[in-house]
Amino acid sequence: RRAEPIPVYAEMSSINPVFLLPAALEARAEALGAAYVGSVTMGAGQFCTNPGLVLAVEGPALDRFLTAAAEAMGTAPAATMLSPGIHKAYESGVARMASAPALKLLAEGSEPGGPTCGQPALFTIAAKDFIADAEHAEEVFGAASMVIRCGDVEEMLGVIGHLEGQLTATMHLDAGDHDLAARLVPLLERKVG
C-alpha cells in the first residue's frame, strides 16, 4: 500500500546445474575439469552462480574429466568464508554429503588454515541415486559440488525433473551436441531464471 514499496533483496538457494554434452566432453574433458574446479572454488564457493552440480554421460571422456577435476581440487586452497555461521553450515553440509552412502568423495582441497576456512570438496553420484533422494539436490553453500554420472542421455534429461528452480544452468556443447541441446533448452527454461 506504500507509494514506494520496500524493496526486497533475497539470496535464494541454487545449485546451478552444468551439463557436459557428449561431443564437448570428448573434445575437451581435461580443460573442462580444471575450469569447473576453478568455478567451484572461486570466492570460497560463495558466488550465487557457483556450479553445485554437473551432469554428464558415463564413459571414457567423463573419466578424463573427473581425473582432471580431482587433480585440480586436490591442490585447491581452503578459503575464508563470509562468517562463522556460513562456515558452520558449510561444514555441516559437507559432512552430510560425505556420510551419504550414494555419494563418493572424489577429492578434497587443502586443509583449512583458519577457524572459518572451508575445505573444498568434490563428490560423484549415480543419476539413479540422485533421483532417489531429494536431499541430494539441496544446496551446500560453499566450495562443494557433485558430478552426476548418467547412464545415457535419457537419464540426464530425467534428472532435470527432480531439480527445483535454479538461478542458472550451463551447457557445454560442440556442433555434434546441437540436437541434444535443442531437447534440453525447453526443459531448462522451465527451471532456470
N, C-alpha and C. Protein backbone atom coordinates (compact mmCIF):
# COMPACT_ATOMS: atom_id res chain seq x y z
N ARG A 1 0.80 -1.21 0.00
CA ARG A 1 0.00 0.00 0.00
C ARG A 1 0.85 1.27 0.00
N ARG A 2 2.13 1.11 0.15
CA ARG A 2 3.01 2.29 0.16
C ARG A 2 3.12 2.88 -1.23
N ALA A 3 3.35 4.17 -1.28
CA ALA A 3 3.58 4.82 -2.57
C ALA A 3 4.83 4.26 -3.23
N GLU A 4 5.83 3.97 -2.41
CA GLU A 4 7.06 3.35 -2.90
C GLU A 4 7.29 2.08 -2.09
N PRO A 5 7.04 0.91 -2.67
CA PRO A 5 7.19 -0.34 -1.91
C PRO A 5 8.61 -0.53 -1.38
N ILE A 6 8.71 -1.21 -0.26
CA ILE A 6 10.01 -1.52 0.32
C ILE A 6 10.65 -2.61 -0.53
N PRO A 7 11.85 -2.38 -1.05
CA PRO A 7 12.47 -3.40 -1.90
C PRO A 7 12.93 -4.60 -1.07
N VAL A 8 12.93 -5.74 -1.71
CA VAL A 8 13.40 -6.96 -1.07
C VAL A 8 14.56 -7.50 -1.89
N TYR A 9 15.68 -7.75 -1.23
CA TYR A 9 16.83 -8.37 -1.86
C TYR A 9 17.06 -9.68 -1.13
N ALA A 10 16.84 -10.77 -1.82
CA ALA A 10 16.92 -12.07 -1.16
C ALA A 10 17.88 -12.99 -1.91
N GLU A 11 18.65 -13.75 -1.17
CA GLU A 11 19.53 -14.76 -1.75
C GLU A 11 18.78 -16.09 -1.69
N MET A 12 18.49 -16.64 -2.84
CA MET A 12 17.75 -17.90 -2.92
C MET A 12 18.73 -19.05 -3.15
N SER A 13 18.37 -20.20 -2.67
CA SER A 13 19.20 -21.38 -2.86
C SER A 13 19.24 -21.75 -4.34
N SER A 14 20.42 -22.12 -4.83
CA SER A 14 20.56 -22.52 -6.22
C SER A 14 21.79 -23.40 -6.37
N ILE A 15 21.65 -24.51 -7.09
CA ILE A 15 22.81 -25.38 -7.31
C ILE A 15 23.33 -25.28 -8.75
N ASN A 16 22.68 -24.48 -9.57
CA ASN A 16 23.20 -24.10 -10.88
C ASN A 16 23.79 -25.27 -11.69
N PRO A 17 22.95 -26.16 -12.19
CA PRO A 17 23.47 -27.34 -12.88
C PRO A 17 24.24 -27.00 -14.16
N VAL A 18 25.28 -27.78 -14.40
CA VAL A 18 26.12 -27.66 -15.59
C VAL A 18 25.99 -28.98 -16.36
N PHE A 19 25.67 -28.88 -17.65
CA PHE A 19 25.51 -30.06 -18.49
C PHE A 19 26.71 -30.15 -19.43
N LEU A 20 27.44 -31.24 -19.32
CA LEU A 20 28.57 -31.51 -20.21
C LEU A 20 28.06 -32.43 -21.31
N LEU A 21 27.77 -31.87 -22.46
CA LEU A 21 27.21 -32.67 -23.54
C LEU A 21 28.32 -33.49 -24.21
N PRO A 22 27.97 -34.65 -24.76
CA PRO A 22 28.97 -35.65 -25.16
C PRO A 22 30.08 -35.17 -26.08
N ALA A 23 29.77 -34.44 -27.15
CA ALA A 23 30.82 -34.02 -28.08
C ALA A 23 31.78 -33.03 -27.42
N ALA A 24 31.25 -32.11 -26.65
CA ALA A 24 32.10 -31.14 -25.95
C ALA A 24 32.98 -31.84 -24.92
N LEU A 25 32.39 -32.78 -24.21
CA LEU A 25 33.15 -33.52 -23.19
C LEU A 25 34.27 -34.32 -23.84
N GLU A 26 33.98 -34.95 -24.96
CA GLU A 26 35.00 -35.72 -25.68
C GLU A 26 36.14 -34.80 -26.15
N ALA A 27 35.78 -33.62 -26.63
CA ALA A 27 36.77 -32.71 -27.22
C ALA A 27 37.68 -32.06 -26.18
N ARG A 28 37.17 -31.79 -24.98
CA ARG A 28 37.98 -31.01 -24.03
C ARG A 28 37.71 -31.36 -22.57
N ALA A 29 37.66 -32.63 -22.27
CA ALA A 29 37.36 -33.09 -20.91
C ALA A 29 38.31 -32.52 -19.87
N GLU A 30 39.59 -32.56 -20.15
CA GLU A 30 40.58 -32.11 -19.15
C GLU A 30 40.45 -30.62 -18.86
N ALA A 31 40.31 -29.82 -19.91
CA ALA A 31 40.16 -28.37 -19.72
C ALA A 31 38.88 -28.05 -18.96
N LEU A 32 37.80 -28.75 -19.28
CA LEU A 32 36.54 -28.53 -18.56
C LEU A 32 36.67 -28.91 -17.09
N GLY A 33 37.38 -30.00 -16.81
CA GLY A 33 37.56 -30.43 -15.42
C GLY A 33 38.29 -29.39 -14.59
N ALA A 34 39.38 -28.85 -15.13
CA ALA A 34 40.15 -27.83 -14.40
C ALA A 34 39.35 -26.54 -14.24
N ALA A 35 38.65 -26.12 -15.30
CA ALA A 35 37.86 -24.88 -15.23
C ALA A 35 36.70 -25.02 -14.25
N TYR A 36 36.10 -26.19 -14.22
CA TYR A 36 35.00 -26.46 -13.28
C TYR A 36 35.44 -26.24 -11.84
N VAL A 37 36.58 -26.78 -11.48
CA VAL A 37 37.08 -26.62 -10.11
C VAL A 37 37.38 -25.15 -9.82
N GLY A 38 37.89 -24.43 -10.81
CA GLY A 38 38.10 -23.00 -10.63
C GLY A 38 36.80 -22.27 -10.32
N SER A 39 35.72 -22.66 -10.98
CA SER A 39 34.42 -22.05 -10.72
C SER A 39 33.87 -22.43 -9.35
N VAL A 40 34.03 -23.69 -8.99
CA VAL A 40 33.53 -24.17 -7.70
C VAL A 40 34.23 -23.45 -6.54
N THR A 41 35.52 -23.24 -6.66
CA THR A 41 36.30 -22.72 -5.54
C THR A 41 36.44 -21.20 -5.54
N MET A 42 36.06 -20.52 -6.61
CA MET A 42 36.18 -19.06 -6.68
C MET A 42 35.40 -18.42 -5.51
N GLY A 43 36.07 -17.54 -4.78
CA GLY A 43 35.41 -16.86 -3.67
C GLY A 43 34.94 -17.80 -2.59
N ALA A 44 35.69 -18.87 -2.35
CA ALA A 44 35.32 -19.90 -1.37
C ALA A 44 33.97 -20.54 -1.71
N GLY A 45 33.60 -20.50 -2.98
CA GLY A 45 32.35 -21.12 -3.42
C GLY A 45 31.12 -20.32 -3.04
N GLN A 46 31.28 -19.05 -2.69
CA GLN A 46 30.18 -18.26 -2.15
C GLN A 46 29.54 -17.33 -3.18
N PHE A 47 29.72 -17.63 -4.46
CA PHE A 47 29.04 -16.87 -5.51
C PHE A 47 27.68 -17.52 -5.77
N CYS A 48 26.68 -16.71 -6.07
CA CYS A 48 25.34 -17.27 -6.27
C CYS A 48 25.25 -18.10 -7.55
N THR A 49 26.24 -17.99 -8.42
CA THR A 49 26.26 -18.79 -9.65
C THR A 49 27.19 -20.00 -9.54
N ASN A 50 27.63 -20.32 -8.35
CA ASN A 50 28.53 -21.45 -8.11
C ASN A 50 27.92 -22.74 -8.68
N PRO A 51 28.70 -23.51 -9.46
CA PRO A 51 28.17 -24.75 -10.02
C PRO A 51 28.16 -25.89 -8.99
N GLY A 52 27.03 -26.12 -8.39
CA GLY A 52 26.93 -27.16 -7.37
C GLY A 52 26.67 -28.54 -7.93
N LEU A 53 26.44 -28.62 -9.22
CA LEU A 53 26.04 -29.88 -9.83
C LEU A 53 26.50 -29.92 -11.27
N VAL A 54 27.10 -31.06 -11.67
CA VAL A 54 27.48 -31.28 -13.06
C VAL A 54 26.84 -32.60 -13.50
N LEU A 55 26.28 -32.61 -14.71
CA LEU A 55 25.69 -33.82 -15.27
C LEU A 55 26.40 -34.20 -16.55
N ALA A 56 26.75 -35.48 -16.67
CA ALA A 56 27.41 -35.98 -17.87
C ALA A 56 27.13 -37.47 -18.01
N VAL A 57 27.27 -37.97 -19.24
CA VAL A 57 27.05 -39.38 -19.52
C VAL A 57 28.34 -40.15 -19.24
N GLU A 58 28.18 -41.30 -18.58
CA GLU A 58 29.31 -42.18 -18.26
C GLU A 58 30.12 -42.52 -19.51
N GLY A 59 31.42 -42.70 -19.33
CA GLY A 59 32.28 -43.12 -20.42
C GLY A 59 33.69 -42.61 -20.22
N PRO A 60 34.60 -42.94 -21.14
CA PRO A 60 35.99 -42.52 -21.01
C PRO A 60 36.17 -41.02 -20.92
N ALA A 61 35.36 -40.24 -21.64
CA ALA A 61 35.50 -38.78 -21.59
C ALA A 61 35.15 -38.26 -20.20
N LEU A 62 34.11 -38.80 -19.59
CA LEU A 62 33.78 -38.39 -18.23
C LEU A 62 34.88 -38.80 -17.26
N ASP A 63 35.46 -39.97 -17.47
CA ASP A 63 36.58 -40.39 -16.62
C ASP A 63 37.74 -39.40 -16.72
N ARG A 64 38.02 -38.93 -17.91
CA ARG A 64 39.10 -37.93 -18.09
C ARG A 64 38.75 -36.63 -17.39
N PHE A 65 37.50 -36.21 -17.50
CA PHE A 65 37.03 -35.00 -16.81
C PHE A 65 37.20 -35.14 -15.30
N LEU A 66 36.77 -36.27 -14.75
CA LEU A 66 36.85 -36.49 -13.31
C LEU A 66 38.29 -36.53 -12.82
N THR A 67 39.18 -37.14 -13.61
CA THR A 67 40.61 -37.18 -13.24
C THR A 67 41.17 -35.76 -13.17
N ALA A 68 40.88 -34.96 -14.19
CA ALA A 68 41.38 -33.58 -14.21
C ALA A 68 40.77 -32.76 -13.08
N ALA A 69 39.49 -32.94 -12.82
CA ALA A 69 38.84 -32.20 -11.74
C ALA A 69 39.40 -32.61 -10.38
N ALA A 70 39.63 -33.90 -10.18
CA ALA A 70 40.18 -34.37 -8.91
C ALA A 70 41.59 -33.82 -8.69
N GLU A 71 42.39 -33.79 -9.74
CA GLU A 71 43.74 -33.22 -9.62
C GLU A 71 43.68 -31.74 -9.25
N ALA A 72 42.81 -31.00 -9.92
CA ALA A 72 42.68 -29.56 -9.62
C ALA A 72 42.13 -29.34 -8.22
N MET A 73 41.16 -30.15 -7.82
CA MET A 73 40.58 -29.99 -6.48
C MET A 73 41.61 -30.32 -5.41
N GLY A 74 42.46 -31.30 -5.66
CA GLY A 74 43.47 -31.70 -4.68
C GLY A 74 44.45 -30.60 -4.32
N THR A 75 44.62 -29.63 -5.21
CA THR A 75 45.53 -28.51 -4.93
C THR A 75 44.79 -27.21 -4.63
N ALA A 76 43.47 -27.25 -4.63
CA ALA A 76 42.69 -26.03 -4.37
C ALA A 76 42.84 -25.63 -2.91
N PRO A 77 43.09 -24.35 -2.65
CA PRO A 77 43.27 -23.92 -1.26
C PRO A 77 41.94 -23.81 -0.52
N ALA A 78 42.00 -24.05 0.78
CA ALA A 78 40.86 -23.72 1.64
C ALA A 78 40.78 -22.21 1.69
N ALA A 79 39.59 -21.66 1.83
CA ALA A 79 39.43 -20.21 1.81
C ALA A 79 38.49 -19.75 2.91
N THR A 80 38.74 -18.55 3.38
CA THR A 80 37.94 -17.97 4.45
C THR A 80 36.53 -17.69 3.95
N MET A 81 35.55 -18.13 4.73
CA MET A 81 34.16 -17.94 4.37
C MET A 81 33.64 -16.65 5.01
N LEU A 82 32.47 -16.20 4.60
CA LEU A 82 31.96 -14.90 4.96
C LEU A 82 31.69 -14.70 6.45
N SER A 83 31.30 -15.76 7.14
CA SER A 83 31.00 -15.63 8.56
C SER A 83 31.15 -16.98 9.24
N PRO A 84 31.29 -16.99 10.56
CA PRO A 84 31.34 -18.28 11.27
C PRO A 84 30.08 -19.12 11.04
N GLY A 85 28.92 -18.47 10.95
CA GLY A 85 27.68 -19.22 10.72
C GLY A 85 27.65 -19.89 9.36
N ILE A 86 28.09 -19.17 8.34
CA ILE A 86 28.14 -19.75 6.99
C ILE A 86 29.13 -20.89 6.95
N HIS A 87 30.28 -20.71 7.61
CA HIS A 87 31.27 -21.78 7.67
C HIS A 87 30.71 -23.02 8.36
N LYS A 88 30.03 -22.82 9.46
CA LYS A 88 29.45 -23.95 10.21
C LYS A 88 28.42 -24.69 9.35
N ALA A 89 27.59 -23.94 8.63
CA ALA A 89 26.60 -24.57 7.74
C ALA A 89 27.29 -25.33 6.62
N TYR A 90 28.37 -24.78 6.09
CA TYR A 90 29.12 -25.45 5.03
C TYR A 90 29.71 -26.77 5.55
N GLU A 91 30.36 -26.71 6.69
CA GLU A 91 30.94 -27.92 7.27
C GLU A 91 29.87 -28.99 7.51
N SER A 92 28.71 -28.57 7.98
CA SER A 92 27.61 -29.50 8.21
C SER A 92 27.12 -30.10 6.90
N GLY A 93 27.00 -29.27 5.86
CA GLY A 93 26.55 -29.76 4.56
C GLY A 93 27.52 -30.75 3.95
N VAL A 94 28.82 -30.46 4.04
CA VAL A 94 29.83 -31.38 3.50
C VAL A 94 29.83 -32.69 4.30
N ALA A 95 29.67 -32.60 5.60
CA ALA A 95 29.60 -33.82 6.43
C ALA A 95 28.39 -34.67 6.03
N ARG A 96 27.26 -34.01 5.75
CA ARG A 96 26.06 -34.72 5.31
C ARG A 96 26.34 -35.43 3.99
N MET A 97 26.99 -34.73 3.06
CA MET A 97 27.32 -35.34 1.77
C MET A 97 28.27 -36.52 1.95
N ALA A 98 29.29 -36.34 2.79
CA ALA A 98 30.29 -37.39 3.00
C ALA A 98 29.70 -38.63 3.64
N SER A 99 28.63 -38.46 4.42
CA SER A 99 28.04 -39.61 5.11
C SER A 99 26.96 -40.30 4.28
N ALA A 100 26.57 -39.71 3.16
CA ALA A 100 25.54 -40.32 2.31
C ALA A 100 26.13 -41.51 1.57
N PRO A 101 25.54 -42.68 1.71
CA PRO A 101 26.10 -43.88 1.07
C PRO A 101 26.22 -43.77 -0.45
N ALA A 102 25.33 -43.04 -1.10
CA ALA A 102 25.33 -42.96 -2.56
C ALA A 102 26.39 -42.00 -3.10
N LEU A 103 26.87 -41.10 -2.27
CA LEU A 103 27.86 -40.12 -2.71
C LEU A 103 29.26 -40.64 -2.44
N LYS A 104 30.15 -40.44 -3.41
CA LYS A 104 31.55 -40.83 -3.26
C LYS A 104 32.40 -39.57 -3.25
N LEU A 105 33.22 -39.41 -2.21
CA LEU A 105 34.14 -38.28 -2.16
C LEU A 105 35.26 -38.54 -3.15
N LEU A 106 35.38 -37.67 -4.15
CA LEU A 106 36.39 -37.84 -5.19
C LEU A 106 37.69 -37.13 -4.82
N ALA A 107 37.57 -35.93 -4.24
CA ALA A 107 38.77 -35.16 -3.90
C ALA A 107 38.41 -34.04 -2.93
N GLU A 108 39.40 -33.66 -2.13
CA GLU A 108 39.27 -32.51 -1.24
C GLU A 108 40.44 -31.57 -1.50
N GLY A 109 40.21 -30.30 -1.21
CA GLY A 109 41.26 -29.31 -1.34
C GLY A 109 42.17 -29.33 -0.13
N SER A 110 43.02 -28.32 -0.05
CA SER A 110 43.98 -28.21 1.04
C SER A 110 43.29 -28.11 2.40
N GLU A 111 43.99 -28.57 3.41
CA GLU A 111 43.47 -28.50 4.78
C GLU A 111 43.24 -27.04 5.17
N PRO A 112 42.17 -26.77 5.91
CA PRO A 112 41.90 -25.40 6.36
C PRO A 112 43.02 -24.87 7.25
N GLY A 113 43.33 -23.58 7.08
CA GLY A 113 44.37 -22.96 7.88
C GLY A 113 43.85 -21.96 8.89
N GLY A 114 42.54 -21.84 9.02
CA GLY A 114 41.96 -20.89 9.95
C GLY A 114 40.60 -21.36 10.42
N PRO A 115 40.04 -20.68 11.40
CA PRO A 115 38.80 -21.15 12.02
C PRO A 115 37.57 -21.09 11.13
N THR A 116 37.54 -20.25 10.13
CA THR A 116 36.38 -20.19 9.24
C THR A 116 36.76 -20.50 7.79
N CYS A 117 37.81 -21.28 7.58
CA CYS A 117 38.23 -21.67 6.24
C CYS A 117 37.48 -22.92 5.81
N GLY A 118 36.88 -22.86 4.64
CA GLY A 118 36.18 -24.01 4.10
C GLY A 118 37.08 -24.82 3.19
N GLN A 119 37.14 -26.12 3.43
CA GLN A 119 37.94 -27.02 2.60
C GLN A 119 37.10 -27.46 1.40
N PRO A 120 37.53 -27.18 0.18
CA PRO A 120 36.76 -27.58 -1.00
C PRO A 120 36.58 -29.11 -1.07
N ALA A 121 35.46 -29.54 -1.64
CA ALA A 121 35.17 -30.97 -1.73
C ALA A 121 34.42 -31.27 -3.02
N LEU A 122 34.76 -32.40 -3.63
CA LEU A 122 34.15 -32.84 -4.88
C LEU A 122 33.63 -34.26 -4.71
N PHE A 123 32.36 -34.46 -5.04
CA PHE A 123 31.71 -35.75 -4.90
C PHE A 123 31.17 -36.22 -6.25
N THR A 124 30.91 -37.52 -6.35
CA THR A 124 30.21 -38.08 -7.51
C THR A 124 29.04 -38.91 -7.01
N ILE A 125 28.05 -39.07 -7.89
CA ILE A 125 26.86 -39.87 -7.56
C ILE A 125 26.26 -40.38 -8.87
N ALA A 126 25.68 -41.56 -8.82
CA ALA A 126 24.96 -42.10 -9.97
C ALA A 126 23.61 -41.39 -10.08
N ALA A 127 23.16 -41.16 -11.31
CA ALA A 127 21.90 -40.44 -11.52
C ALA A 127 20.74 -41.10 -10.81
N LYS A 128 20.66 -42.42 -10.85
CA LYS A 128 19.54 -43.10 -10.20
C LYS A 128 19.53 -42.84 -8.70
N ASP A 129 20.69 -42.73 -8.08
CA ASP A 129 20.77 -42.46 -6.65
C ASP A 129 20.42 -41.00 -6.35
N PHE A 130 20.82 -40.10 -7.24
CA PHE A 130 20.46 -38.69 -7.07
C PHE A 130 18.94 -38.54 -7.11
N ILE A 131 18.31 -39.18 -8.09
CA ILE A 131 16.86 -39.10 -8.25
C ILE A 131 16.13 -39.71 -7.06
N ALA A 132 16.70 -40.75 -6.47
CA ALA A 132 16.03 -41.48 -5.39
C ALA A 132 15.95 -40.70 -4.08
N ASP A 133 16.76 -39.68 -3.89
CA ASP A 133 16.79 -38.96 -2.62
C ASP A 133 16.85 -37.45 -2.86
N ALA A 134 15.75 -36.76 -2.59
CA ALA A 134 15.66 -35.32 -2.84
C ALA A 134 16.69 -34.52 -2.05
N GLU A 135 17.20 -35.08 -0.96
CA GLU A 135 18.19 -34.37 -0.15
C GLU A 135 19.48 -34.10 -0.93
N HIS A 136 19.78 -34.94 -1.91
CA HIS A 136 20.99 -34.74 -2.71
C HIS A 136 20.93 -33.44 -3.54
N ALA A 137 19.73 -32.93 -3.79
CA ALA A 137 19.57 -31.73 -4.59
C ALA A 137 19.60 -30.45 -3.76
N GLU A 138 19.85 -30.56 -2.45
CA GLU A 138 19.90 -29.38 -1.60
C GLU A 138 21.26 -28.70 -1.72
N GLU A 139 21.24 -27.39 -1.77
CA GLU A 139 22.47 -26.62 -1.89
C GLU A 139 23.34 -26.75 -0.65
N VAL A 140 24.64 -26.88 -0.87
CA VAL A 140 25.64 -26.72 0.19
C VAL A 140 26.39 -25.45 -0.21
N PHE A 141 26.14 -24.37 0.51
CA PHE A 141 26.70 -23.07 0.15
C PHE A 141 28.18 -23.03 0.48
N GLY A 142 29.00 -23.01 -0.56
CA GLY A 142 30.45 -23.03 -0.40
C GLY A 142 31.07 -23.85 -1.53
N ALA A 143 32.33 -24.17 -1.37
CA ALA A 143 33.11 -24.82 -2.44
C ALA A 143 32.97 -26.34 -2.44
N ALA A 144 31.73 -26.81 -2.46
CA ALA A 144 31.46 -28.24 -2.59
C ALA A 144 30.56 -28.44 -3.80
N SER A 145 30.78 -29.51 -4.53
CA SER A 145 29.99 -29.78 -5.72
C SER A 145 29.95 -31.28 -5.96
N MET A 146 28.99 -31.70 -6.79
CA MET A 146 28.91 -33.12 -7.14
C MET A 146 28.70 -33.29 -8.63
N VAL A 147 29.24 -34.39 -9.13
CA VAL A 147 29.08 -34.77 -10.53
C VAL A 147 28.10 -35.94 -10.58
N ILE A 148 27.04 -35.76 -11.35
CA ILE A 148 26.05 -36.84 -11.53
C ILE A 148 26.45 -37.64 -12.77
N ARG A 149 26.73 -38.93 -12.55
CA ARG A 149 27.10 -39.84 -13.63
C ARG A 149 25.82 -40.46 -14.19
N CYS A 150 25.48 -40.09 -15.43
CA CYS A 150 24.26 -40.57 -16.07
C CYS A 150 24.58 -41.75 -16.98
N GLY A 151 23.72 -42.76 -16.98
CA GLY A 151 23.93 -43.92 -17.82
C GLY A 151 23.78 -43.61 -19.30
N ASP A 152 22.92 -42.65 -19.62
CA ASP A 152 22.70 -42.25 -21.00
C ASP A 152 22.04 -40.87 -21.01
N VAL A 153 21.78 -40.37 -22.21
CA VAL A 153 21.20 -39.04 -22.36
C VAL A 153 19.80 -38.98 -21.75
N GLU A 154 19.03 -40.04 -21.91
CA GLU A 154 17.67 -40.03 -21.35
C GLU A 154 17.69 -39.89 -19.84
N GLU A 155 18.65 -40.54 -19.20
CA GLU A 155 18.76 -40.41 -17.75
C GLU A 155 19.15 -38.97 -17.37
N MET A 156 20.02 -38.36 -18.16
CA MET A 156 20.40 -36.97 -17.93
C MET A 156 19.16 -36.07 -17.99
N LEU A 157 18.34 -36.27 -19.01
CA LEU A 157 17.12 -35.47 -19.16
C LEU A 157 16.17 -35.73 -17.99
N GLY A 158 16.14 -36.97 -17.51
CA GLY A 158 15.26 -37.31 -16.39
C GLY A 158 15.63 -36.61 -15.10
N VAL A 159 16.91 -36.34 -14.90
CA VAL A 159 17.36 -35.66 -13.68
C VAL A 159 16.75 -34.27 -13.58
N ILE A 160 16.57 -33.61 -14.70
CA ILE A 160 16.06 -32.24 -14.71
C ILE A 160 14.72 -32.15 -13.97
N GLY A 161 13.89 -33.15 -14.15
CA GLY A 161 12.58 -33.15 -13.49
C GLY A 161 12.66 -33.22 -11.98
N HIS A 162 13.82 -33.56 -11.45
CA HIS A 162 14.00 -33.68 -10.00
C HIS A 162 14.73 -32.47 -9.40
N LEU A 163 14.93 -31.45 -10.21
CA LEU A 163 15.57 -30.24 -9.72
C LEU A 163 14.52 -29.18 -9.42
N GLU A 164 14.80 -28.37 -8.40
CA GLU A 164 13.96 -27.22 -8.13
C GLU A 164 14.37 -26.09 -9.07
N GLY A 165 13.74 -24.94 -8.95
CA GLY A 165 14.12 -23.79 -9.75
C GLY A 165 15.55 -23.37 -9.46
N GLN A 166 16.23 -22.86 -10.48
CA GLN A 166 17.64 -22.51 -10.37
C GLN A 166 17.88 -21.10 -10.89
N LEU A 167 18.95 -20.50 -10.42
CA LEU A 167 19.35 -19.19 -10.93
C LEU A 167 19.94 -19.33 -12.33
N THR A 168 20.85 -20.29 -12.50
CA THR A 168 21.50 -20.50 -13.80
C THR A 168 21.54 -21.98 -14.14
N ALA A 169 21.73 -22.24 -15.41
CA ALA A 169 22.11 -23.57 -15.91
C ALA A 169 23.09 -23.31 -17.05
N THR A 170 24.02 -24.23 -17.22
CA THR A 170 25.05 -24.08 -18.24
C THR A 170 25.12 -25.34 -19.07
N MET A 171 25.28 -25.16 -20.39
CA MET A 171 25.53 -26.29 -21.27
C MET A 171 26.86 -26.06 -21.97
N HIS A 172 27.76 -27.03 -21.87
CA HIS A 172 28.97 -27.03 -22.68
C HIS A 172 28.67 -27.92 -23.87
N LEU A 173 28.75 -27.37 -25.08
CA LEU A 173 28.39 -28.15 -26.25
C LEU A 173 29.27 -27.79 -27.44
N ASP A 174 29.36 -28.72 -28.36
CA ASP A 174 30.02 -28.55 -29.64
C ASP A 174 28.98 -28.79 -30.73
N ALA A 175 29.39 -28.68 -31.97
CA ALA A 175 28.45 -28.82 -33.09
C ALA A 175 27.68 -30.14 -33.04
N GLY A 176 28.33 -31.21 -32.62
CA GLY A 176 27.67 -32.51 -32.55
C GLY A 176 26.63 -32.62 -31.45
N ASP A 177 26.52 -31.61 -30.60
CA ASP A 177 25.59 -31.64 -29.47
C ASP A 177 24.32 -30.82 -29.72
N HIS A 178 24.17 -30.21 -30.89
CA HIS A 178 23.06 -29.29 -31.12
C HIS A 178 21.70 -29.95 -30.95
N ASP A 179 21.53 -31.18 -31.41
CA ASP A 179 20.23 -31.85 -31.27
C ASP A 179 19.89 -32.08 -29.80
N LEU A 180 20.88 -32.51 -29.02
CA LEU A 180 20.63 -32.71 -27.60
C LEU A 180 20.36 -31.38 -26.90
N ALA A 181 21.09 -30.36 -27.23
CA ALA A 181 20.86 -29.03 -26.65
C ALA A 181 19.44 -28.56 -26.94
N ALA A 182 18.95 -28.84 -28.15
CA ALA A 182 17.59 -28.44 -28.51
C ALA A 182 16.55 -29.17 -27.66
N ARG A 183 16.88 -30.36 -27.19
CA ARG A 183 15.98 -31.09 -26.28
C ARG A 183 16.09 -30.56 -24.85
N LEU A 184 17.28 -30.10 -24.47
CA LEU A 184 17.49 -29.60 -23.11
C LEU A 184 16.86 -28.24 -22.86
N VAL A 185 16.96 -27.35 -23.82
CA VAL A 185 16.51 -25.97 -23.62
C VAL A 185 15.05 -25.89 -23.16
N PRO A 186 14.10 -26.56 -23.80
CA PRO A 186 12.71 -26.44 -23.33
C PRO A 186 12.51 -26.94 -21.90
N LEU A 187 13.30 -27.91 -21.48
CA LEU A 187 13.20 -28.40 -20.10
C LEU A 187 13.82 -27.40 -19.13
N LEU A 188 14.97 -26.85 -19.50
CA LEU A 188 15.67 -25.94 -18.61
C LEU A 188 14.98 -24.58 -18.50
N GLU A 189 14.34 -24.13 -19.56
CA GLU A 189 13.72 -22.81 -19.49
C GLU A 189 12.56 -22.78 -18.50
N ARG A 190 12.07 -23.94 -18.10
CA ARG A 190 11.01 -24.01 -17.09
C ARG A 190 11.58 -24.11 -15.67
N LYS A 191 12.91 -24.29 -15.56
CA LYS A 191 13.53 -24.47 -14.27
C LYS A 191 14.52 -23.36 -13.90
N VAL A 192 14.95 -22.59 -14.90
CA VAL A 192 16.07 -21.68 -14.68
C VAL A 192 15.66 -20.23 -14.92
N GLY A 193 16.05 -19.35 -13.99
CA GLY A 193 15.73 -17.93 -14.13
C GLY A 193 16.73 -17.22 -14.96
